[in-house]
Amino acid sequence: MTRDATRSDEASVAGVASASARMITSQAASQAAEENFPVALRMLPRRYRRHLAAVYGFARSADDMGDEAPVAERLSLLDELEADVARLYRLRPRPRDEVTGPSGPRGVPGRGVRGLAPGKAECPPGLIEPGGDGPRLAVVAALAPTVAECAIPQQCLLDLIQANRQDQVVTRYQAFGDLLAYCRLSANPVGRMVLHVFGAATPRRAELSDLVCTALQLAEHWQDVAEDLRAGRIYLPAEDLAAFGVTETDLAAASASAPVRALIEFEVRRARELLDQGAPIVGTLRGAARAAVAGYVAGGRAALAAITASGHDVLAGTPKPAKRRIAAELAKAYLSGR
């Protein structure tokens, strides 16, 4: 056990967040706000941006605990994050008269949180802590207004944590179906939370959102084949590698061979089909929700187009779409509703 892992256990006993967890989640929250907000989302009303920032901050925190933390600490950090989610869902709404008071509002739910003692985050206005044991990590406490106002399902957060646990023990996927099951944990929960943020969650939209989010996750995997291999992971299904005569040694080359290019072309086509199946969700939405989801669809299409434009050589560099292509795809998706 590492020194930081020992400190994590000690922090848990003391009722505060560990130093490692505080550092990772703090960095992740700020980076998520910068990296995960395409133009379409930056133009949304502030109330939506605030909730989306809280969702992305959490998702990025889980990812960084699973990818960036010292290997020996990752599982304990993810356990710490899950325990904090449990504390979050033990919060309950404060009675209305306690929030407003006789002379007007004492606080508006969702204004964010302030730190109290080191390692302990304050329960937001409008919520109370049964037993006084609320979230210890600011990134989890920041979710409290979003959970309360948008009815975010707890399972979505737990699935994101589980996806990162899986990354610690599963580094290869035998079949495409296995990879889709991973996407159900790593990607689909984000889309479902976005629907809740906009008050647009329905069973049918959730199904379409899952298709879009899975396609986006696949597009990211196909862009990052070389980077993932350096991290010891291969998301290309083993059955597909065998079908196209591609070995792990081929994936470590400086540029893609003809078989690798053919494999990536095949995977891009499958991802595009999933994205096209889910894209009609845009047509079911209006206003800010329509713009936001059209932005996700546009980003996925532009990413897949960038891979195609590279000649499906994802080993020489990471194919990145041009902003003008994303803007064009956004306008097309928004206007066509798909």
C-alpha atoms as a PDB file:
ATOM      1  CA  MET A   1       0.000   0.000   0.000  1.00  0.00           C
ATOM      2  CA  THR A   2       1.333   3.451  -0.912  1.00  0.00           C
ATOM      3  CA  ARG A   3       1.723   6.294   1.532  1.00  0.00           C
ATOM      4  CA  ASP A   4      -1.119   8.209  -0.186  1.00  0.00           C
ATOM      5  CA  ALA A   5      -3.365   5.148  -0.095  1.00  0.00           C
ATOM      6  CA  THR A   6      -2.716   4.897   3.646  1.00  0.00           C
ATOM      7  CA  ARG A   7      -3.601   8.563   4.015  1.00  0.00           C
ATOM      8  CA  SER A   8      -6.812   7.899   2.077  1.00  0.00           C
ATOM      9  CA  ASP A   9      -7.831   5.272   4.645  1.00  0.00           C
ATOM     10  CA  GLU A  10      -6.937   7.602   7.491  1.00  0.00           C
ATOM     11  CA  ALA A  11      -8.962  10.408   5.897  1.00  0.00           C
ATOM     12  CA  SER A  12     -11.972   8.119   5.594  1.00  0.00           C
ATOM     13  CA  VAL A  13     -11.832   7.306   9.279  1.00  0.00           C
ATOM     14  CA  ALA A  14     -11.439  10.998  10.100  1.00  0.00           C
ATOM     15  CA  GLY A  15     -14.504  11.911   8.030  1.00  0.00           C
ATOM     16  CA  VAL A  16     -12.676  14.047   5.461  1.00  0.00           C
ATOM     17  CA  ALA A  17     -11.650  13.595   1.851  1.00  0.00           C
ATOM     18  CA  SER A  18      -8.128  12.365   1.135  1.00  0.00           C
ATOM     19  CA  ALA A  19      -5.584  14.824  -0.237  1.00  0.00           C
ATOM     20  CA  SER A  20      -5.252  12.821  -3.465  1.00  0.00           C
ATOM     21  CA  ALA A  21      -8.998  12.825  -4.076  1.00  0.00           C
ATOM     22  CA  ARG A  22      -9.263  16.562  -3.394  1.00  0.00           C
ATOM     23  CA  MET A  23      -6.405  17.355  -5.765  1.00  0.00           C
ATOM     24  CA  ILE A  24      -7.660  15.163  -8.620  1.00  0.00           C
ATOM     25  CA  THR A  25     -11.272  16.318  -8.418  1.00  0.00           C
ATOM     26  CA  SER A  26     -10.288  19.975  -8.165  1.00  0.00           C
ATOM     27  CA  GLN A  27      -8.163  19.772 -11.301  1.00  0.00           C
ATOM     28  CA  ALA A  28     -10.731  17.670 -13.123  1.00  0.00           C
ATOM     29  CA  ALA A  29     -13.573  20.101 -12.452  1.00  0.00           C
ATOM     30  CA  SER A  30     -11.671  23.055 -13.902  1.00  0.00           C
ATOM     31  CA  GLN A  31     -10.410  21.097 -16.906  1.00  0.00           C
ATOM     32  CA  ALA A  32     -13.850  19.690 -17.651  1.00  0.00           C
ATOM     33  CA  ALA A  33     -15.332  23.161 -17.890  1.00  0.00           C
ATOM     34  CA  GLU A  34     -12.642  24.168 -20.387  1.00  0.00           C
ATOM     35  CA  GLU A  35     -12.472  21.041 -22.520  1.00  0.00           C
ATOM     36  CA  ASN A  36     -15.999  19.630 -22.669  1.00  0.00           C
ATOM     37  CA  PHE A  37     -17.961  22.723 -23.634  1.00  0.00           C
ATOM     38  CA  PRO A  38     -18.256  23.078 -27.414  1.00  0.00           C
ATOM     39  CA  VAL A  39     -19.575  26.335 -28.822  1.00  0.00           C
ATOM     40  CA  ALA A  40     -23.179  25.098 -28.802  1.00  0.00           C
ATOM     41  CA  LEU A  41     -23.021  24.503 -25.042  1.00  0.00           C
ATOM     42  CA  ARG A  42     -21.255  27.753 -24.236  1.00  0.00           C
ATOM     43  CA  MET A  43     -24.226  29.587 -25.745  1.00  0.00           C
ATOM     44  CA  LEU A  44     -26.756  27.899 -23.446  1.00  0.00           C
ATOM     45  CA  PRO A  45     -28.489  29.742 -20.610  1.00  0.00           C
ATOM     46  CA  ARG A  46     -26.408  29.858 -17.442  1.00  0.00           C
ATOM     47  CA  ARG A  47     -28.664  27.494 -15.472  1.00  0.00           C
ATOM     48  CA  TYR A  48     -27.978  24.707 -17.977  1.00  0.00           C
ATOM     49  CA  ARG A  49     -24.264  25.427 -18.188  1.00  0.00           C
ATOM     50  CA  ARG A  50     -24.000  25.244 -14.402  1.00  0.00           C
ATOM     51  CA  HIS A  51     -25.633  21.830 -14.243  1.00  0.00           C
ATOM     52  CA  LEU A  52     -23.659  20.495 -17.200  1.00  0.00           C
ATOM     53  CA  ALA A  53     -20.422  21.735 -15.645  1.00  0.00           C
ATOM     54  CA  ALA A  54     -21.249  19.782 -12.473  1.00  0.00           C
ATOM     55  CA  VAL A  55     -21.956  16.612 -14.485  1.00  0.00           C
ATOM     56  CA  TYR A  56     -18.793  16.947 -16.564  1.00  0.00           C
ATOM     57  CA  GLY A  57     -16.700  17.744 -13.508  1.00  0.00           C
ATOM     58  CA  PHE A  58     -17.799  14.502 -11.892  1.00  0.00           C
ATOM     59  CA  ALA A  59     -17.275  12.438 -15.049  1.00  0.00           C
ATOM     60  CA  ARG A  60     -13.811  13.902 -15.551  1.00  0.00           C
ATOM     61  CA  SER A  61     -12.945  13.247 -11.909  1.00  0.00           C
ATOM     62  CA  ALA A  62     -13.866   9.570 -12.240  1.00  0.00           C
ATOM     63  CA  ASP A  63     -11.838   9.314 -15.457  1.00  0.00           C
ATOM     64  CA  ASP A  64      -8.788  10.981 -13.929  1.00  0.00           C
ATOM     65  CA  MET A  65      -8.922   8.726 -10.884  1.00  0.00           C
ATOM     66  CA  GLY A  66      -8.956   5.747 -13.239  1.00  0.00           C
ATOM     67  CA  ASP A  67      -6.345   7.044 -15.694  1.00  0.00           C
ATOM     68  CA  GLU A  68      -4.072   9.633 -14.099  1.00  0.00           C
ATOM     69  CA  ALA A  69      -3.717   8.644 -10.428  1.00  0.00           C
ATOM     70  CA  PRO A  70      -0.898   6.328  -9.340  1.00  0.00           C
ATOM     71  CA  VAL A  71      -1.932   2.783 -10.221  1.00  0.00           C
ATOM     72  CA  ALA A  72      -1.853   1.584  -6.605  1.00  0.00           C
ATOM     73  CA  GLU A  73      -4.299   4.310  -5.544  1.00  0.00           C
ATOM     74  CA  ARG A  74      -6.880   4.144  -8.309  1.00  0.00           C
ATOM     75  CA  LEU A  75      -9.320   1.632  -6.882  1.00  0.00           C
ATOM     76  CA  SER A  76      -9.254   3.195  -3.421  1.00  0.00           C
ATOM     77  CA  LEU A  77      -9.875   6.638  -4.925  1.00  0.00           C
ATOM     78  CA  LEU A  78     -12.818   5.311  -6.920  1.00  0.00           C
ATOM     79  CA  ASP A  79     -14.162   3.692  -3.741  1.00  0.00           C
ATOM     80  CA  GLU A  80     -13.839   7.072  -2.018  1.00  0.00           C
ATOM     81  CA  LEU A  81     -15.732   8.750  -4.850  1.00  0.00           C
ATOM     82  CA  GLU A  82     -18.508   6.159  -4.682  1.00  0.00           C
ATOM     83  CA  ALA A  83     -18.831   6.618  -0.925  1.00  0.00           C
ATOM     84  CA  ASP A  84     -19.206  10.347  -1.460  1.00  0.00           C
ATOM     85  CA  VAL A  85     -21.962   9.754  -4.018  1.00  0.00           C
ATOM     86  CA  ALA A  86     -23.780   7.699  -1.387  1.00  0.00           C
ATOM     87  CA  ARG A  87     -23.502  10.647   1.013  1.00  0.00           C
ATOM     88  CA  LEU A  88     -24.860  12.945  -1.682  1.00  0.00           C
ATOM     89  CA  TYR A  89     -27.972  10.825  -2.170  1.00  0.00           C
ATOM     90  CA  ARG A  90     -28.624  10.759   1.552  1.00  0.00           C
ATOM     91  CA  LEU A  91     -29.213  14.517   1.408  1.00  0.00           C
ATOM     92  CA  ARG A  92     -32.840  15.584   1.407  1.00  0.00           C
ATOM     93  CA  PRO A  93     -34.589  18.848   0.465  1.00  0.00           C
ATOM     94  CA  ARG A  94     -34.733  21.491   3.190  1.00  0.00           C
ATOM     95  CA  PRO A  95     -38.306  22.485   4.089  1.00  0.00           C
ATOM     96  CA  ARG A  96     -39.373  25.472   2.034  1.00  0.00           C
ATOM     97  CA  ASP A  97     -39.807  27.823   4.993  1.00  0.00           C
ATOM     98  CA  GLU A  98     -36.255  27.047   6.148  1.00  0.00           C
ATOM     99  CA  VAL A  99     -34.909  28.060   2.743  1.00  0.00           C
ATOM    100  CA  THR A 100     -36.915  31.249   2.243  1.00  0.00           C
ATOM    101  CA  GLY A 101     -37.315  32.417   5.841  1.00  0.00           C
ATOM    102  CA  PRO A 102     -39.688  35.175   6.954  1.00  0.00           C
ATOM    103  CA  SER A 103     -37.794  37.944   5.161  1.00  0.00           C
ATOM    104  CA  GLY A 104     -37.069  36.322   1.816  1.00  0.00           C
ATOM    105  CA  PRO A 105     -34.672  33.798   0.283  1.00  0.00           C
ATOM    106  CA  ARG A 106     -31.717  32.690   2.365  1.00  0.00           C
ATOM    107  CA  GLY A 107     -30.098  30.991  -0.578  1.00  0.00           C
ATOM    108  CA  VAL A 108     -30.909  29.727  -4.023  1.00  0.00           C
ATOM    109  CA  PRO A 109     -30.413  26.008  -4.567  1.00  0.00           C
ATOM    110  CA  GLY A 110     -27.727  25.460  -7.155  1.00  0.00           C
ATOM    111  CA  ARG A 111     -25.533  28.488  -6.479  1.00  0.00           C
ATOM    112  CA  GLY A 112     -22.589  26.139  -5.853  1.00  0.00           C
ATOM    113  CA  VAL A 113     -20.794  25.170  -2.692  1.00  0.00           C
ATOM    114  CA  ARG A 114     -18.185  26.662  -0.418  1.00  0.00           C
ATOM    115  CA  GLY A 115     -15.535  24.699   1.410  1.00  0.00           C
ATOM    116  CA  LEU A 116     -15.760  24.438   5.172  1.00  0.00           C
ATOM    117  CA  ALA A 117     -13.030  22.632   7.028  1.00  0.00           C
ATOM    118  CA  PRO A 118     -10.277  21.110   4.858  1.00  0.00           C
ATOM    119  CA  GLY A 119     -11.580  18.034   3.063  1.00  0.00           C
ATOM    120  CA  LYS A 120     -15.247  18.778   3.839  1.00  0.00           C
ATOM    121  CA  ALA A 121     -17.610  20.453   1.393  1.00  0.00           C
ATOM    122  CA  GLU A 122     -20.601  22.482   2.538  1.00  0.00           C
ATOM    123  CA  CYS A 123     -24.103  21.253   1.847  1.00  0.00           C
ATOM    124  CA  PRO A 124     -25.695  23.700  -0.649  1.00  0.00           C
ATOM    125  CA  PRO A 125     -28.594  25.958   0.356  1.00  0.00           C
ATOM    126  CA  GLY A 126     -31.902  24.159   0.003  1.00  0.00           C
ATOM    127  CA  LEU A 127     -30.519  20.809   1.155  1.00  0.00           C
ATOM    128  CA  ILE A 128     -29.828  19.378   4.581  1.00  0.00           C
ATOM    129  CA  GLU A 129     -27.570  16.582   5.713  1.00  0.00           C
ATOM    130  CA  PRO A 130     -29.146  13.803   7.757  1.00  0.00           C
ATOM    131  CA  GLY A 131     -26.650  13.058  10.488  1.00  0.00           C
ATOM    132  CA  GLY A 132     -24.433  15.901   9.298  1.00  0.00           C
ATOM    133  CA  ASP A 133     -22.421  13.665   6.961  1.00  0.00           C
ATOM    134  CA  GLY A 134     -22.704  15.232   3.507  1.00  0.00           C
ATOM    135  CA  PRO A 135     -20.297  14.979   0.569  1.00  0.00           C
ATOM    136  CA  ARG A 136     -16.640  15.520   1.402  1.00  0.00           C
ATOM    137  CA  LEU A 137     -15.445  16.271  -2.134  1.00  0.00           C
ATOM    138  CA  ALA A 138     -16.341  19.629  -3.663  1.00  0.00           C
ATOM    139  CA  VAL A 139     -16.953  18.060  -7.078  1.00  0.00           C
ATOM    140  CA  VAL A 140     -19.631  15.792  -5.539  1.00  0.00           C
ATOM    141  CA  ALA A 141     -21.116  18.544  -3.399  1.00  0.00           C
ATOM    142  CA  ALA A 142     -21.371  20.686  -6.560  1.00  0.00           C
ATOM    143  CA  LEU A 143     -23.683  18.017  -7.971  1.00  0.00           C
ATOM    144  CA  ALA A 144     -26.186  18.416  -5.138  1.00  0.00           C
ATOM    145  CA  PRO A 145     -28.236  21.206  -6.765  1.00  0.00           C
ATOM    146  CA  THR A 146     -28.189  19.319 -10.072  1.00  0.00           C
ATOM    147  CA  VAL A 147     -29.323  16.081  -8.443  1.00  0.00           C
ATOM    148  CA  ALA A 148     -32.077  17.910  -6.553  1.00  0.00           C
ATOM    149  CA  GLU A 149     -33.329  20.112  -9.396  1.00  0.00           C
ATOM    150  CA  CYS A 150     -32.863  17.694 -12.310  1.00  0.00           C
ATOM    151  CA  ALA A 151     -33.585  14.328 -10.643  1.00  0.00           C
ATOM    152  CA  ILE A 152     -30.286  12.806 -11.743  1.00  0.00           C
ATOM    153  CA  PRO A 153     -30.424   9.017 -11.186  1.00  0.00           C
ATOM    154  CA  GLN A 154     -27.757   7.777  -8.800  1.00  0.00           C
ATOM    155  CA  GLN A 155     -27.068   4.799 -11.041  1.00  0.00           C
ATOM    156  CA  CYS A 156     -25.669   7.086 -13.747  1.00  0.00           C
ATOM    157  CA  LEU A 157     -22.904   8.252 -11.406  1.00  0.00           C
ATOM    158  CA  LEU A 158     -22.233   4.742 -10.136  1.00  0.00           C
ATOM    159  CA  ASP A 159     -21.934   3.418 -13.685  1.00  0.00           C
ATOM    160  CA  LEU A 160     -19.259   5.985 -14.525  1.00  0.00           C
ATOM    161  CA  ILE A 161     -17.280   4.898 -11.482  1.00  0.00           C
ATOM    162  CA  GLN A 162     -17.708   1.236 -12.405  1.00  0.00           C
ATOM    163  CA  ALA A 163     -16.428   1.899 -15.932  1.00  0.00           C
ATOM    164  CA  ASN A 164     -13.198   3.207 -14.457  1.00  0.00           C
ATOM    165  CA  ARG A 165     -12.936   0.245 -12.130  1.00  0.00           C
ATOM    166  CA  GLN A 166     -13.297  -1.978 -15.172  1.00  0.00           C
ATOM    167  CA  ASP A 167     -10.447  -0.138 -16.875  1.00  0.00           C
ATOM    168  CA  GLN A 168      -8.157  -1.288 -14.064  1.00  0.00           C
ATOM    169  CA  VAL A 169      -8.750  -4.974 -14.754  1.00  0.00           C
ATOM    170  CA  VAL A 170      -9.933  -5.225 -18.374  1.00  0.00           C
ATOM    171  CA  THR A 171      -7.481  -4.081 -21.040  1.00  0.00           C
ATOM    172  CA  ARG A 172      -8.734  -6.108 -24.015  1.00  0.00           C
ATOM    173  CA  TYR A 173     -12.211  -6.819 -25.462  1.00  0.00           C
ATOM    174  CA  GLN A 174     -12.895 -10.050 -27.263  1.00  0.00           C
ATOM    175  CA  ALA A 175     -16.091  -9.095 -29.093  1.00  0.00           C
ATOM    176  CA  PHE A 176     -17.832  -5.922 -30.230  1.00  0.00           C
ATOM    177  CA  GLY A 177     -20.694  -6.739 -27.882  1.00  0.00           C
ATOM    178  CA  ASP A 178     -18.265  -6.661 -24.962  1.00  0.00           C
ATOM    179  CA  LEU A 179     -17.161  -3.183 -25.986  1.00  0.00           C
ATOM    180  CA  LEU A 180     -20.777  -2.020 -26.261  1.00  0.00           C
ATOM    181  CA  ALA A 181     -21.361  -3.256 -22.713  1.00  0.00           C
ATOM    182  CA  TYR A 182     -18.417  -1.129 -21.559  1.00  0.00           C
ATOM    183  CA  CYS A 183     -19.867   1.905 -23.357  1.00  0.00           C
ATOM    184  CA  ARG A 184     -23.102   1.406 -21.429  1.00  0.00           C
ATOM    185  CA  LEU A 185     -21.089   2.194 -18.317  1.00  0.00           C
ATOM    186  CA  SER A 186     -18.556   4.721 -19.620  1.00  0.00           C
ATOM    187  CA  ALA A 187     -20.565   6.859 -22.054  1.00  0.00           C
ATOM    188  CA  ASN A 188     -24.308   6.320 -21.986  1.00  0.00           C
ATOM    189  CA  PRO A 189     -24.827   7.614 -18.416  1.00  0.00           C
ATOM    190  CA  VAL A 190     -23.555  11.053 -19.451  1.00  0.00           C
ATOM    191  CA  GLY A 191     -26.152  11.380 -22.180  1.00  0.00           C
ATOM    192  CA  ARG A 192     -28.927  10.315 -19.835  1.00  0.00           C
ATOM    193  CA  MET A 193     -27.848  12.906 -17.276  1.00  0.00           C
ATOM    194  CA  VAL A 194     -27.837  15.577 -19.988  1.00  0.00           C
ATOM    195  CA  LEU A 195     -31.453  14.723 -20.794  1.00  0.00           C
ATOM    196  CA  HIS A 196     -32.341  15.125 -17.126  1.00  0.00           C
ATOM    197  CA  VAL A 197     -30.580  18.502 -17.026  1.00  0.00           C
ATOM    198  CA  PHE A 198     -32.896  19.724 -19.782  1.00  0.00           C
ATOM    199  CA  GLY A 199     -35.985  18.090 -18.300  1.00  0.00           C
ATOM    200  CA  ALA A 200     -36.254  15.986 -21.446  1.00  0.00           C
ATOM    201  CA  ALA A 201     -35.709  12.451 -20.160  1.00  0.00           C
ATOM    202  CA  THR A 202     -38.103   9.869 -21.595  1.00  0.00           C
ATOM    203  CA  PRO A 203     -37.557   6.141 -22.253  1.00  0.00           C
ATOM    204  CA  ARG A 204     -37.418   6.638 -26.029  1.00  0.00           C
ATOM    205  CA  ARG A 205     -34.998   9.562 -25.812  1.00  0.00           C
ATOM    206  CA  ALA A 206     -32.824   7.538 -23.456  1.00  0.00           C
ATOM    207  CA  GLU A 207     -32.606   4.774 -26.067  1.00  0.00           C
ATOM    208  CA  LEU A 208     -31.616   7.231 -28.803  1.00  0.00           C
ATOM    209  CA  SER A 209     -29.187   8.992 -26.493  1.00  0.00           C
ATOM    210  CA  ASP A 210     -27.481   5.682 -25.718  1.00  0.00           C
ATOM    211  CA  LEU A 211     -26.868   5.133 -29.435  1.00  0.00           C
ATOM    212  CA  VAL A 212     -25.372   8.607 -29.820  1.00  0.00           C
ATOM    213  CA  CYS A 213     -23.181   8.314 -26.740  1.00  0.00           C
ATOM    214  CA  THR A 214     -21.923   4.853 -27.643  1.00  0.00           C
ATOM    215  CA  ALA A 215     -21.003   6.160 -31.094  1.00  0.00           C
ATOM    216  CA  LEU A 216     -19.168   9.114 -29.551  1.00  0.00           C
ATOM    217  CA  GLN A 217     -17.220   6.776 -27.258  1.00  0.00           C
ATOM    218  CA  LEU A 218     -16.298   4.543 -30.177  1.00  0.00           C
ATOM    219  CA  ALA A 219     -15.178   7.544 -32.225  1.00  0.00           C
ATOM    220  CA  GLU A 220     -12.905   8.599 -29.360  1.00  0.00           C
ATOM    221  CA  HIS A 221     -11.467   5.096 -29.072  1.00  0.00           C
ATOM    222  CA  TRP A 222     -10.722   4.964 -32.805  1.00  0.00           C
ATOM    223  CA  GLN A 223      -9.052   8.377 -32.676  1.00  0.00           C
ATOM    224  CA  ASP A 224      -6.918   7.322 -29.698  1.00  0.00           C
ATOM    225  CA  VAL A 225      -5.745   3.832 -30.716  1.00  0.00           C
ATOM    226  CA  ALA A 226      -2.061   4.755 -30.358  1.00  0.00           C
ATOM    227  CA  GLU A 227      -2.544   6.627 -27.069  1.00  0.00           C
ATOM    228  CA  ASP A 228      -4.588   3.811 -25.563  1.00  0.00           C
ATOM    229  CA  LEU A 229      -1.981   1.248 -26.588  1.00  0.00           C
ATOM    230  CA  ARG A 230       0.707   3.237 -24.779  1.00  0.00           C
ATOM    231  CA  ALA A 231      -1.524   3.051 -21.693  1.00  0.00           C
ATOM    232  CA  GLY A 232      -1.728  -0.725 -22.091  1.00  0.00           C
ATOM    233  CA  ARG A 233      -5.283  -0.840 -23.450  1.00  0.00           C
ATOM    234  CA  ILE A 234      -6.759  -1.963 -26.757  1.00  0.00           C
ATOM    235  CA  TYR A 235     -10.421  -1.233 -27.378  1.00  0.00           C
ATOM    236  CA  LEU A 236     -10.457  -2.680 -30.898  1.00  0.00           C
ATOM    237  CA  PRO A 237     -12.238  -6.035 -30.453  1.00  0.00           C
ATOM    238  CA  ALA A 238      -9.927  -9.047 -30.686  1.00  0.00           C
ATOM    239  CA  GLU A 239     -12.320 -10.743 -33.089  1.00  0.00           C
ATOM    240  CA  ASP A 240     -12.012  -7.783 -35.459  1.00  0.00           C
ATOM    241  CA  LEU A 241      -8.230  -7.707 -35.175  1.00  0.00           C
ATOM    242  CA  ALA A 242      -8.164 -11.370 -36.174  1.00  0.00           C
ATOM    243  CA  ALA A 243     -10.659 -10.884 -39.014  1.00  0.00           C
ATOM    244  CA  PHE A 244      -8.492  -8.166 -40.585  1.00  0.00           C
ATOM    245  CA  GLY A 245      -5.176  -9.861 -39.849  1.00  0.00           C
ATOM    246  CA  VAL A 246      -4.013  -7.097 -37.505  1.00  0.00           C
ATOM    247  CA  THR A 247      -1.665  -7.793 -34.576  1.00  0.00           C
ATOM    248  CA  GLU A 248      -0.844  -5.712 -31.528  1.00  0.00           C
ATOM    249  CA  THR A 249       2.590  -5.158 -33.057  1.00  0.00           C
ATOM    250  CA  ASP A 250       0.874  -3.561 -36.075  1.00  0.00           C
ATOM    251  CA  LEU A 251      -0.886  -1.124 -33.748  1.00  0.00           C
ATOM    252  CA  ALA A 252       2.465  -0.054 -32.276  1.00  0.00           C
ATOM    253  CA  ALA A 253       3.824   1.054 -35.664  1.00  0.00           C
ATOM    254  CA  ALA A 254       4.506   4.698 -36.505  1.00  0.00           C
ATOM    255  CA  SER A 255       1.859   4.652 -39.217  1.00  0.00           C
ATOM    256  CA  ALA A 256      -1.020   2.392 -40.131  1.00  0.00           C
ATOM    257  CA  SER A 257      -0.570  -0.503 -42.529  1.00  0.00           C
ATOM    258  CA  ALA A 258      -3.197  -1.378 -45.121  1.00  0.00           C
ATOM    259  CA  PRO A 259      -4.861  -3.972 -42.835  1.00  0.00           C
ATOM    260  CA  VAL A 260      -4.999  -1.496 -39.941  1.00  0.00           C
ATOM    261  CA  ARG A 261      -6.547   1.145 -42.191  1.00  0.00           C
ATOM    262  CA  ALA A 262      -9.139  -1.349 -43.418  1.00  0.00           C
ATOM    263  CA  LEU A 263      -9.971  -2.282 -39.824  1.00  0.00           C
ATOM    264  CA  ILE A 264     -10.380   1.339 -38.755  1.00  0.00           C
ATOM    265  CA  GLU A 265     -12.551   2.031 -41.814  1.00  0.00           C
ATOM    266  CA  PHE A 266     -14.788  -0.850 -40.744  1.00  0.00           C
ATOM    267  CA  GLU A 267     -15.016   0.402 -37.151  1.00  0.00           C
ATOM    268  CA  VAL A 268     -15.731   3.968 -38.279  1.00  0.00           C
ATOM    269  CA  ARG A 269     -18.580   2.713 -40.449  1.00  0.00           C
ATOM    270  CA  ARG A 270     -20.123   0.856 -37.498  1.00  0.00           C
ATOM    271  CA  ALA A 271     -19.826   3.900 -35.255  1.00  0.00           C
ATOM    272  CA  ARG A 272     -21.397   6.117 -37.920  1.00  0.00           C
ATOM    273  CA  GLU A 273     -24.330   3.718 -38.269  1.00  0.00           C
ATOM    274  CA  LEU A 274     -24.981   3.879 -34.528  1.00  0.00           C
ATOM    275  CA  LEU A 275     -24.736   7.672 -34.586  1.00  0.00           C
ATOM    276  CA  ASP A 276     -27.174   7.920 -37.487  1.00  0.00           C
ATOM    277  CA  GLN A 277     -29.617   5.618 -35.677  1.00  0.00           C
ATOM    278  CA  GLY A 278     -29.554   7.825 -32.585  1.00  0.00           C
ATOM    279  CA  ALA A 279     -29.457  11.220 -34.316  1.00  0.00           C
ATOM    280  CA  PRO A 280     -33.274  11.546 -34.677  1.00  0.00           C
ATOM    281  CA  ILE A 281     -33.293  12.412 -30.967  1.00  0.00           C
ATOM    282  CA  VAL A 282     -32.470  15.955 -32.087  1.00  0.00           C
ATOM    283  CA  GLY A 283     -35.846  16.241 -33.809  1.00  0.00           C
ATOM    284  CA  THR A 284     -37.677  15.363 -30.606  1.00  0.00           C
ATOM    285  CA  LEU A 285     -36.147  18.319 -28.744  1.00  0.00           C
ATOM    286  CA  ARG A 286     -36.651  22.071 -28.810  1.00  0.00           C
ATOM    287  CA  GLY A 287     -34.708  25.145 -27.790  1.00  0.00           C
ATOM    288  CA  ALA A 288     -31.572  24.764 -25.700  1.00  0.00           C
ATOM    289  CA  ALA A 289     -31.879  20.971 -25.480  1.00  0.00           C
ATOM    290  CA  ARG A 290     -32.038  20.680 -29.253  1.00  0.00           C
ATOM    291  CA  ALA A 291     -28.962  22.879 -29.691  1.00  0.00           C
ATOM    292  CA  ALA A 292     -26.963  20.952 -27.092  1.00  0.00           C
ATOM    293  CA  VAL A 293     -27.762  17.477 -28.392  1.00  0.00           C
ATOM    294  CA  ALA A 294     -27.243  18.607 -31.991  1.00  0.00           C
ATOM    295  CA  GLY A 295     -23.791  19.707 -30.823  1.00  0.00           C
ATOM    296  CA  TYR A 296     -22.985  16.223 -29.571  1.00  0.00           C
ATOM    297  CA  VAL A 297     -24.157  14.614 -32.803  1.00  0.00           C
ATOM    298  CA  ALA A 298     -22.152  17.144 -34.790  1.00  0.00           C
ATOM    299  CA  GLY A 299     -19.017  16.476 -32.774  1.00  0.00           C
ATOM    300  CA  GLY A 300     -19.289  12.757 -33.395  1.00  0.00           C
ATOM    301  CA  ARG A 301     -19.837  13.128 -37.114  1.00  0.00           C
ATOM    302  CA  ALA A 302     -16.958  15.575 -37.427  1.00  0.00           C
ATOM    303  CA  ALA A 303     -14.637  13.250 -35.483  1.00  0.00           C
ATOM    304  CA  LEU A 304     -15.493  10.289 -37.698  1.00  0.00           C
ATOM    305  CA  ALA A 305     -15.039  12.466 -40.789  1.00  0.00           C
ATOM    306  CA  ALA A 306     -11.591  13.481 -39.517  1.00  0.00           C
ATOM    307  CA  ILE A 307     -10.581   9.830 -39.182  1.00  0.00           C
ATOM    308  CA  THR A 308     -11.766   9.188 -42.727  1.00  0.00           C
ATOM    309  CA  ALA A 309      -9.899  12.256 -44.005  1.00  0.00           C
ATOM    310  CA  SER A 310      -6.684  10.895 -42.474  1.00  0.00           C
ATOM    311  CA  GLY A 311      -6.967   7.842 -44.674  1.00  0.00           C
ATOM    312  CA  HIS A 312      -7.895   5.925 -41.516  1.00  0.00           C
ATOM    313  CA  ASP A 313      -4.327   6.249 -40.253  1.00  0.00           C
ATOM    314  CA  VAL A 314      -4.884   6.791 -36.541  1.00  0.00           C
ATOM    315  CA  LEU A 315      -1.328   5.765 -35.638  1.00  0.00           C
ATOM    316  CA  ALA A 316       0.587   8.645 -37.220  1.00  0.00           C
ATOM    317  CA  GLY A 317      -1.389  11.146 -35.136  1.00  0.00           C
ATOM    318  CA  THR A 318      -4.783  11.743 -33.578  1.00  0.00           C
ATOM    319  CA  PRO A 319      -7.239  12.905 -36.268  1.00  0.00           C
ATOM    320  CA  LYS A 320      -8.978  16.072 -35.077  1.00  0.00           C
ATOM    321  CA  PRO A 321     -11.929  17.753 -36.830  1.00  0.00           C
ATOM    322  CA  ALA A 322     -11.720  21.381 -37.922  1.00  0.00           C
ATOM    323  CA  LYS A 323     -14.015  23.806 -36.099  1.00  0.00           C
ATOM    324  CA  ARG A 324     -15.692  24.790 -39.345  1.00  0.00           C
ATOM    325  CA  ARG A 325     -16.620  21.157 -39.963  1.00  0.00           C
ATOM    326  CA  ILE A 326     -18.147  20.894 -36.495  1.00  0.00           C
ATOM    327  CA  ALA A 327     -20.095  24.123 -37.073  1.00  0.00           C
ATOM    328  CA  ALA A 328     -21.391  22.846 -40.406  1.00  0.00           C
ATOM    329  CA  GLU A 329     -22.452  19.545 -38.876  1.00  0.00           C
ATOM    330  CA  LEU A 330     -24.122  21.397 -35.993  1.00  0.00           C
ATOM    331  CA  ALA A 331     -26.205  23.542 -38.329  1.00  0.00           C
ATOM    332  CA  LYS A 332     -27.168  20.482 -40.362  1.00  0.00           C
ATOM    333  CA  ALA A 333     -28.203  18.418 -37.347  1.00  0.00           C
ATOM    334  CA  TYR A 334     -30.113  21.269 -35.719  1.00  0.00           C
ATOM    335  CA  LEU A 335     -32.059  22.208 -38.838  1.00  0.00           C
ATOM    336  CA  SER A 336     -32.750  18.683 -40.060  1.00  0.00           C
ATOM    337  CA  GLY A 337     -33.538  17.298 -36.614  1.00  0.00           C
ATOM    338  CA  ARG A 338     -31.176  14.358 -37.084  1.00  0.00           C
END
